[in-house]
Amino acid sequence: MIGYYRPERPGVLDPPSDGWHDTGDIVSIDREGFISIKGRAKRFAKIAGEMISLAAIEALASEALPGAPLVVVAVPDQRKGERTVLVTSAASATREALQQAARVRGAPELMVPAEIMLVDKVPQLGSGKPDIVAATALARARYGLSAPGTTVAA
């Protein structure tokens, strides 16, 4: 990464501090210098003061729904700060199945998505990975939430 072109300085290459571009990935670097991606730093929900990994919720949901396309997103919640939504095309997805998977694993109730949103197709990127931004937009629209950075009259 040699730098950024920023709108306030057109045509000027601004190198990143320390030579690194902040992707939001959590990585490990082995002794030989190889980098392995372990997860995403911003894939968490803050529910009633607890930080919950959305990737961990997806892993739990994948156990309950093997092979089902799914992604877990966080949306605002007036009481708890945020709530999790499982976006999936698996018609068999139920909170009861997810609660059972959590009990078997010894996972807390916070690991069970608050909502299940059935869609015809889970949004995907060209790489085949879930499109988290599109899935979040779908969930926000479904629950009548404004886009991030906008306000809704009370």
C-alpha atoms as a PDB file:
ATOM      1  CA  MET A   1       0.000   0.000   0.000  1.00  0.00           C
ATOM      2  CA  ILE A   2       1.730   3.143  -1.147  1.00  0.00           C
ATOM      3  CA  GLY A   3      -0.937   5.614  -0.148  1.00  0.00           C
ATOM      4  CA  TYR A   4      -4.317   7.290  -0.447  1.00  0.00           C
ATOM      5  CA  TYR A   5      -5.592   9.958  -2.797  1.00  0.00           C
ATOM      6  CA  ARG A   6      -7.716  12.190  -0.589  1.00  0.00           C
ATOM      7  CA  PRO A   7     -10.383  14.597  -1.846  1.00  0.00           C
ATOM      8  CA  GLU A   8      -8.953  17.528   0.115  1.00  0.00           C
ATOM      9  CA  ARG A   9      -5.562  17.158  -1.690  1.00  0.00           C
ATOM     10  CA  PRO A  10      -6.300  16.035  -5.267  1.00  0.00           C
ATOM     11  CA  GLY A  11      -3.397  14.381  -7.042  1.00  0.00           C
ATOM     12  CA  VAL A  12      -1.250  14.116  -3.893  1.00  0.00           C
ATOM     13  CA  LEU A  13      -0.429  10.612  -2.691  1.00  0.00           C
ATOM     14  CA  ASP A  14      -0.709  10.475   1.104  1.00  0.00           C
ATOM     15  CA  PRO A  15       1.183   7.428   2.473  1.00  0.00           C
ATOM     16  CA  PRO A  16      -0.503   5.564   5.349  1.00  0.00           C
ATOM     17  CA  SER A  17       1.065   5.858   8.781  1.00  0.00           C
ATOM     18  CA  ASP A  18       3.480   2.989   9.439  1.00  0.00           C
ATOM     19  CA  GLY A  19       3.016   1.827   5.819  1.00  0.00           C
ATOM     20  CA  TRP A  20      -0.144  -0.122   6.623  1.00  0.00           C
ATOM     21  CA  HIS A  21      -3.650   0.251   5.226  1.00  0.00           C
ATOM     22  CA  ASP A  22      -6.358  -0.265   7.883  1.00  0.00           C
ATOM     23  CA  THR A  23      -8.636  -2.934   6.395  1.00  0.00           C
ATOM     24  CA  GLY A  24     -10.400  -3.757   9.658  1.00  0.00           C
ATOM     25  CA  ASP A  25      -9.084  -7.335   9.481  1.00  0.00           C
ATOM     26  CA  ILE A  26      -7.751  -9.145  12.543  1.00  0.00           C
ATOM     27  CA  VAL A  27      -4.601 -10.993  11.514  1.00  0.00           C
ATOM     28  CA  SER A  28      -1.730 -13.029  12.849  1.00  0.00           C
ATOM     29  CA  ILE A  29       1.782 -12.879  11.450  1.00  0.00           C
ATOM     30  CA  ASP A  30       3.864 -16.032  11.751  1.00  0.00           C
ATOM     31  CA  ARG A  31       7.645 -16.266  12.244  1.00  0.00           C
ATOM     32  CA  GLU A  32       8.232 -16.305   8.498  1.00  0.00           C
ATOM     33  CA  GLY A  33       6.163 -13.136   7.968  1.00  0.00           C
ATOM     34  CA  PHE A  34       3.093 -14.794   6.485  1.00  0.00           C
ATOM     35  CA  ILE A  35      -0.163 -13.058   7.361  1.00  0.00           C
ATOM     36  CA  SER A  36      -3.320 -15.040   8.152  1.00  0.00           C
ATOM     37  CA  ILE A  37      -6.698 -13.311   8.375  1.00  0.00           C
ATOM     38  CA  LYS A  38      -8.499 -14.407  11.558  1.00  0.00           C
ATOM     39  CA  GLY A  39     -11.592 -12.190  11.436  1.00  0.00           C
ATOM     40  CA  ARG A  40     -12.923  -8.659  11.217  1.00  0.00           C
ATOM     41  CA  ALA A  41     -12.502  -6.034  13.931  1.00  0.00           C
ATOM     42  CA  LYS A  42     -15.811  -4.363  13.158  1.00  0.00           C
ATOM     43  CA  ARG A  43     -17.954  -7.501  13.068  1.00  0.00           C
ATOM     44  CA  PHE A  44     -19.307  -7.122  16.571  1.00  0.00           C
ATOM     45  CA  ALA A  45     -22.609  -6.069  18.094  1.00  0.00           C
ATOM     46  CA  LYS A  46     -22.848  -4.284  21.411  1.00  0.00           C
ATOM     47  CA  ILE A  47     -25.900  -5.742  23.128  1.00  0.00           C
ATOM     48  CA  ALA A  48     -26.770  -4.416  26.585  1.00  0.00           C
ATOM     49  CA  GLY A  49     -23.098  -3.546  27.116  1.00  0.00           C
ATOM     50  CA  GLU A  50     -21.750  -6.924  25.925  1.00  0.00           C
ATOM     51  CA  MET A  51     -19.579  -7.181  22.807  1.00  0.00           C
ATOM     52  CA  ILE A  52     -20.799 -10.163  20.757  1.00  0.00           C
ATOM     53  CA  SER A  53     -18.890 -11.490  17.735  1.00  0.00           C
ATOM     54  CA  LEU A  54     -21.105 -11.681  14.654  1.00  0.00           C
ATOM     55  CA  ALA A  55     -18.730 -14.282  13.179  1.00  0.00           C
ATOM     56  CA  ALA A  56     -19.247 -16.466  16.277  1.00  0.00           C
ATOM     57  CA  ILE A  57     -23.029 -16.161  15.879  1.00  0.00           C
ATOM     58  CA  GLU A  58     -22.645 -17.159  12.218  1.00  0.00           C
ATOM     59  CA  ALA A  59     -20.620 -20.216  13.270  1.00  0.00           C
ATOM     60  CA  LEU A  60     -23.348 -21.225  15.715  1.00  0.00           C
ATOM     61  CA  ALA A  61     -26.050 -20.680  13.064  1.00  0.00           C
ATOM     62  CA  SER A  62     -24.032 -22.759  10.591  1.00  0.00           C
ATOM     63  CA  GLU A  63     -24.064 -25.642  13.073  1.00  0.00           C
ATOM     64  CA  ALA A  64     -27.854 -25.421  13.369  1.00  0.00           C
ATOM     65  CA  LEU A  65     -28.330 -24.895   9.608  1.00  0.00           C
ATOM     66  CA  PRO A  66     -25.515 -26.839   7.889  1.00  0.00           C
ATOM     67  CA  GLY A  67     -24.853 -25.661   4.358  1.00  0.00           C
ATOM     68  CA  ALA A  68     -27.424 -22.856   4.524  1.00  0.00           C
ATOM     69  CA  PRO A  69     -26.393 -19.485   3.101  1.00  0.00           C
ATOM     70  CA  LEU A  70     -26.470 -16.980   5.957  1.00  0.00           C
ATOM     71  CA  VAL A  71     -25.008 -13.818   7.392  1.00  0.00           C
ATOM     72  CA  VAL A  72     -25.562 -12.114  10.752  1.00  0.00           C
ATOM     73  CA  VAL A  73     -25.815  -8.338  10.942  1.00  0.00           C
ATOM     74  CA  ALA A  74     -26.373  -5.858  13.762  1.00  0.00           C
ATOM     75  CA  VAL A  75     -29.100  -3.213  13.728  1.00  0.00           C
ATOM     76  CA  PRO A  76     -29.951  -0.547  16.314  1.00  0.00           C
ATOM     77  CA  ASP A  77     -32.197  -1.461  19.225  1.00  0.00           C
ATOM     78  CA  GLN A  78     -33.667   1.223  21.510  1.00  0.00           C
ATOM     79  CA  ARG A  79     -33.523  -0.941  24.636  1.00  0.00           C
ATOM     80  CA  LYS A  80     -30.270  -2.870  24.219  1.00  0.00           C
ATOM     81  CA  GLY A  81     -28.197  -0.675  21.881  1.00  0.00           C
ATOM     82  CA  GLU A  82     -28.070  -3.239  19.075  1.00  0.00           C
ATOM     83  CA  ARG A  83     -29.731  -6.518  18.153  1.00  0.00           C
ATOM     84  CA  THR A  84     -28.601  -9.258  15.813  1.00  0.00           C
ATOM     85  CA  VAL A  85     -30.442 -10.382  12.712  1.00  0.00           C
ATOM     86  CA  LEU A  86     -29.777 -13.665  10.921  1.00  0.00           C
ATOM     87  CA  VAL A  87     -30.299 -13.103   7.190  1.00  0.00           C
ATOM     88  CA  THR A  88     -30.812 -16.453   5.456  1.00  0.00           C
ATOM     89  CA  SER A  89     -32.679 -18.196   2.689  1.00  0.00           C
ATOM     90  CA  ALA A  90     -33.077 -21.360   4.824  1.00  0.00           C
ATOM     91  CA  ALA A  91     -36.816 -21.742   5.423  1.00  0.00           C
ATOM     92  CA  SER A  92     -35.998 -24.176   8.239  1.00  0.00           C
ATOM     93  CA  ALA A  93     -34.293 -21.444  10.307  1.00  0.00           C
ATOM     94  CA  THR A  94     -36.003 -20.957  13.667  1.00  0.00           C
ATOM     95  CA  ARG A  95     -34.954 -19.339  16.910  1.00  0.00           C
ATOM     96  CA  GLU A  96     -35.745 -22.633  18.638  1.00  0.00           C
ATOM     97  CA  ALA A  97     -33.186 -24.491  16.475  1.00  0.00           C
ATOM     98  CA  LEU A  98     -30.604 -21.789  17.156  1.00  0.00           C
ATOM     99  CA  GLN A  99     -31.352 -21.830  20.896  1.00  0.00           C
ATOM    100  CA  GLN A 100     -30.897 -25.611  20.910  1.00  0.00           C
ATOM    101  CA  ALA A 101     -27.540 -25.277  19.122  1.00  0.00           C
ATOM    102  CA  ALA A 102     -26.490 -22.653  21.688  1.00  0.00           C
ATOM    103  CA  ARG A 103     -27.483 -24.922  24.597  1.00  0.00           C
ATOM    104  CA  VAL A 104     -25.549 -27.869  23.126  1.00  0.00           C
ATOM    105  CA  ARG A 105     -22.495 -25.669  22.710  1.00  0.00           C
ATOM    106  CA  GLY A 106     -22.909 -24.020  26.117  1.00  0.00           C
ATOM    107  CA  ALA A 107     -23.220 -20.621  24.459  1.00  0.00           C
ATOM    108  CA  PRO A 108     -25.135 -17.776  26.127  1.00  0.00           C
ATOM    109  CA  GLU A 109     -28.545 -16.603  24.891  1.00  0.00           C
ATOM    110  CA  LEU A 110     -26.882 -13.464  23.462  1.00  0.00           C
ATOM    111  CA  MET A 111     -25.353 -15.745  20.804  1.00  0.00           C
ATOM    112  CA  VAL A 112     -28.825 -16.475  19.417  1.00  0.00           C
ATOM    113  CA  PRO A 113     -29.935 -13.882  16.826  1.00  0.00           C
ATOM    114  CA  ALA A 114     -32.826 -11.750  18.052  1.00  0.00           C
ATOM    115  CA  GLU A 115     -34.465 -11.911  14.624  1.00  0.00           C
ATOM    116  CA  ILE A 116     -34.462 -14.238  11.647  1.00  0.00           C
ATOM    117  CA  MET A 117     -34.987 -12.579   8.287  1.00  0.00           C
ATOM    118  CA  LEU A 118     -35.870 -14.947   5.463  1.00  0.00           C
ATOM    119  CA  VAL A 119     -34.823 -13.764   2.010  1.00  0.00           C
ATOM    120  CA  ASP A 120     -34.971 -15.356  -1.427  1.00  0.00           C
ATOM    121  CA  LYS A 121     -31.201 -15.034  -1.727  1.00  0.00           C
ATOM    122  CA  VAL A 122     -28.568 -13.889   0.757  1.00  0.00           C
ATOM    123  CA  PRO A 123     -26.702 -10.937  -0.818  1.00  0.00           C
ATOM    124  CA  GLN A 124     -23.244 -11.935  -2.044  1.00  0.00           C
ATOM    125  CA  LEU A 125     -20.163 -10.183  -3.321  1.00  0.00           C
ATOM    126  CA  GLY A 126     -18.549 -11.200  -6.599  1.00  0.00           C
ATOM    127  CA  SER A 127     -16.119 -13.299  -4.530  1.00  0.00           C
ATOM    128  CA  GLY A 128     -19.018 -15.418  -3.261  1.00  0.00           C
ATOM    129  CA  LYS A 129     -18.716 -14.060   0.283  1.00  0.00           C
ATOM    130  CA  PRO A 130     -21.798 -12.578   1.965  1.00  0.00           C
ATOM    131  CA  ASP A 131     -22.353  -8.902   1.187  1.00  0.00           C
ATOM    132  CA  ILE A 132     -22.596  -7.574   4.737  1.00  0.00           C
ATOM    133  CA  VAL A 133     -23.378  -4.007   3.668  1.00  0.00           C
ATOM    134  CA  ALA A 134     -26.303  -5.117   1.472  1.00  0.00           C
ATOM    135  CA  ALA A 135     -27.573  -7.551   4.126  1.00  0.00           C
ATOM    136  CA  THR A 136     -27.451  -4.800   6.756  1.00  0.00           C
ATOM    137  CA  ALA A 137     -29.364  -2.451   4.437  1.00  0.00           C
ATOM    138  CA  LEU A 138     -32.018  -5.155   3.902  1.00  0.00           C
ATOM    139  CA  ALA A 139     -32.395  -5.684   7.650  1.00  0.00           C
ATOM    140  CA  ARG A 140     -32.558  -1.956   8.381  1.00  0.00           C
ATOM    141  CA  ALA A 141     -35.222  -1.515   5.701  1.00  0.00           C
ATOM    142  CA  ARG A 142     -37.224  -4.511   6.951  1.00  0.00           C
ATOM    143  CA  TYR A 143     -37.337  -3.105  10.480  1.00  0.00           C
ATOM    144  CA  GLY A 144     -38.025   0.475   9.386  1.00  0.00           C
ATOM    145  CA  LEU A 145     -34.658   1.857  10.431  1.00  0.00           C
ATOM    146  CA  SER A 146     -33.088   4.833   8.721  1.00  0.00           C
ATOM    147  CA  ALA A 147     -29.740   4.529   6.964  1.00  0.00           C
ATOM    148  CA  PRO A 148     -26.676   5.096   9.185  1.00  0.00           C
ATOM    149  CA  GLY A 149     -25.901   8.762   9.628  1.00  0.00           C
ATOM    150  CA  THR A 150     -29.511   9.887   9.188  1.00  0.00           C
ATOM    151  CA  THR A 151     -32.059  10.711  11.832  1.00  0.00           C
ATOM    152  CA  VAL A 152     -35.675   9.759  12.201  1.00  0.00           C
ATOM    153  CA  ALA A 153     -38.183  12.067  13.846  1.00  0.00           C
ATOM    154  CA  ALA A 154     -39.446  10.652  17.139  1.00  0.00           C
END
